[in-house]
Amino acid sequence: MSQPDVGKLLAQAREMQTKVAALQRELATRRVEGSAGGGMVTAVVSGELRILEIRIEPSLIEGGDRPMLQDLTAAAVNAALAAAQRMVQEEFQKLSGAAGLGIPIAPESGNGS
């Protein structure tokens, strides 16, 4: 058996690292929405899993049902975050498949802020 070409492996690793970084930058620009209450509350998050916007129908605010507003807001945010997480996972799976690795590449976990 021949020894693996370490130089070639390192070059492939650097190339993959560059592709992962580019994908992370691209995902940061994407916006994903989740809603609750039939669209009464909508949350928008980025591919970095950051909340960008929360939209609340005025009639919901005027109704004065604070507990329902809180529940719907939490549900909308959770739906948007789940959708963004699915999108990120799918894109990283595509990247790992395209690289011929056959193993999942997980994005770096949150940056602590």
Protein backbone atom coordinates (compact mmCIF):
# COMPACT_ATOMS: atom_id res chain seq x y z
CA MET A 1 0.00 0.00 0.00
CA SER A 2 1.21 3.46 -0.77
CA GLN A 3 1.37 6.27 1.75
CA PRO A 4 -1.17 9.08 1.37
CA ASP A 5 0.24 12.29 -0.11
CA VAL A 6 0.26 14.57 2.94
CA GLY A 7 0.76 17.68 0.81
CA LYS A 8 -2.27 16.81 -1.27
CA LEU A 9 -4.36 16.13 1.85
CA LEU A 10 -3.34 19.48 3.34
CA ALA A 11 -4.22 21.29 0.11
CA GLN A 12 -7.64 19.61 0.08
CA ALA A 13 -8.18 20.57 3.73
CA ARG A 14 -7.30 24.21 2.99
CA GLU A 15 -9.65 24.20 0.00
CA MET A 16 -12.47 22.78 2.13
CA GLN A 17 -11.80 25.36 4.84
CA THR A 18 -12.07 28.12 2.23
CA LYS A 19 -15.34 26.69 0.92
CA VAL A 20 -16.79 26.41 4.44
CA ALA A 21 -15.88 30.01 5.21
CA ALA A 22 -17.44 31.19 1.95
CA LEU A 23 -20.62 29.24 2.68
CA GLN A 24 -20.83 30.71 6.18
CA ARG A 25 -20.53 34.25 4.74
CA GLU A 26 -23.21 33.49 2.16
CA LEU A 27 -25.58 31.95 4.71
CA ALA A 28 -25.21 35.03 6.92
CA THR A 29 -26.90 37.05 4.17
CA ARG A 30 -29.92 34.74 3.89
CA ARG A 31 -33.19 35.48 5.65
CA VAL A 32 -35.64 32.84 6.83
CA GLU A 33 -39.14 33.47 8.22
CA GLY A 34 -41.29 31.62 10.69
CA SER A 35 -44.78 32.60 11.76
CA ALA A 36 -47.44 31.72 14.30
CA GLY A 37 -51.09 32.46 14.85
CA GLY A 38 -51.91 32.24 11.17
CA GLY A 39 -49.29 34.86 10.36
CA MET A 40 -50.24 37.20 13.19
CA VAL A 41 -46.60 37.10 14.38
CA THR A 42 -43.65 36.62 12.03
CA ALA A 43 -40.00 36.29 12.98
CA VAL A 44 -37.15 36.73 10.52
CA VAL A 45 -33.75 35.21 11.25
CA SER A 46 -30.45 35.09 9.41
CA GLY A 47 -28.43 32.06 8.40
CA GLU A 48 -26.29 32.93 11.43
CA LEU A 49 -29.36 32.16 13.57
CA ARG A 50 -29.75 35.77 14.63
CA ILE A 51 -33.17 37.35 14.95
CA LEU A 52 -33.40 40.19 12.44
CA GLU A 53 -37.02 41.23 12.72
CA ILE A 54 -40.28 40.47 14.48
CA ARG A 55 -43.54 41.61 12.90
CA ILE A 56 -46.77 41.67 14.91
CA GLU A 57 -50.19 42.37 13.46
CA PRO A 58 -51.56 45.57 15.02
CA SER A 59 -54.87 43.91 15.89
CA LEU A 60 -53.01 41.47 18.13
CA ILE A 61 -51.45 44.30 20.08
CA GLU A 62 -54.73 46.19 20.30
CA GLY A 63 -56.42 43.09 21.69
CA GLY A 64 -54.27 43.39 24.78
CA ASP A 65 -53.84 39.64 25.33
CA ARG A 66 -50.26 39.77 26.53
CA PRO A 67 -49.84 36.04 27.30
CA MET A 68 -51.05 35.11 23.81
CA LEU A 69 -48.74 37.68 22.23
CA GLN A 70 -45.81 36.26 24.18
CA ASP A 71 -46.68 32.68 23.21
CA LEU A 72 -47.10 33.55 19.54
CA THR A 73 -43.84 35.48 19.48
CA ALA A 74 -41.94 32.58 21.02
CA ALA A 75 -43.57 30.15 18.57
CA ALA A 76 -42.72 32.34 15.56
CA VAL A 77 -39.10 32.75 16.68
CA ASN A 78 -38.75 29.00 17.26
CA ALA A 79 -40.25 28.25 13.84
CA ALA A 80 -37.87 30.67 12.12
CA LEU A 81 -34.84 29.33 13.98
CA ALA A 82 -35.79 25.74 13.12
CA ALA A 83 -36.16 26.66 9.44
CA ALA A 84 -32.80 28.44 9.44
CA GLN A 85 -31.11 25.48 11.13
CA ARG A 86 -32.54 23.13 8.49
CA MET A 87 -31.30 25.45 5.72
CA VAL A 88 -27.79 25.62 7.21
CA GLN A 89 -27.62 21.86 7.71
CA GLU A 90 -28.78 21.20 4.13
CA GLU A 91 -26.18 23.55 2.70
CA PHE A 92 -23.35 22.00 4.71
CA GLN A 93 -24.51 18.52 3.68
CA LYS A 94 -24.40 19.62 0.03
CA LEU A 95 -20.90 20.96 0.56
CA SER A 96 -19.65 17.77 2.20
CA GLY A 97 -21.26 15.68 -0.53
CA ALA A 98 -19.71 17.82 -3.25
CA ALA A 99 -16.34 17.42 -1.59
CA GLY A 100 -16.77 13.66 -1.73
CA LEU A 101 -16.19 13.33 1.96
CA GLY A 102 -19.27 11.32 2.74
CA ILE A 103 -19.28 12.75 6.24
CA PRO A 104 -21.36 15.62 7.52
CA ILE A 105 -19.65 18.95 8.01
CA ALA A 106 -21.21 20.81 10.88
CA PRO A 107 -21.06 24.58 10.88
CA GLU A 108 -19.23 26.16 13.76
CA SER A 109 -21.48 26.63 16.73
CA GLY A 110 -22.56 30.12 17.72
CA ASN A 111 -19.96 32.78 18.27
CA GLY A 112 -20.93 33.33 21.88
CA SER A 113 -22.67 36.65 21.43
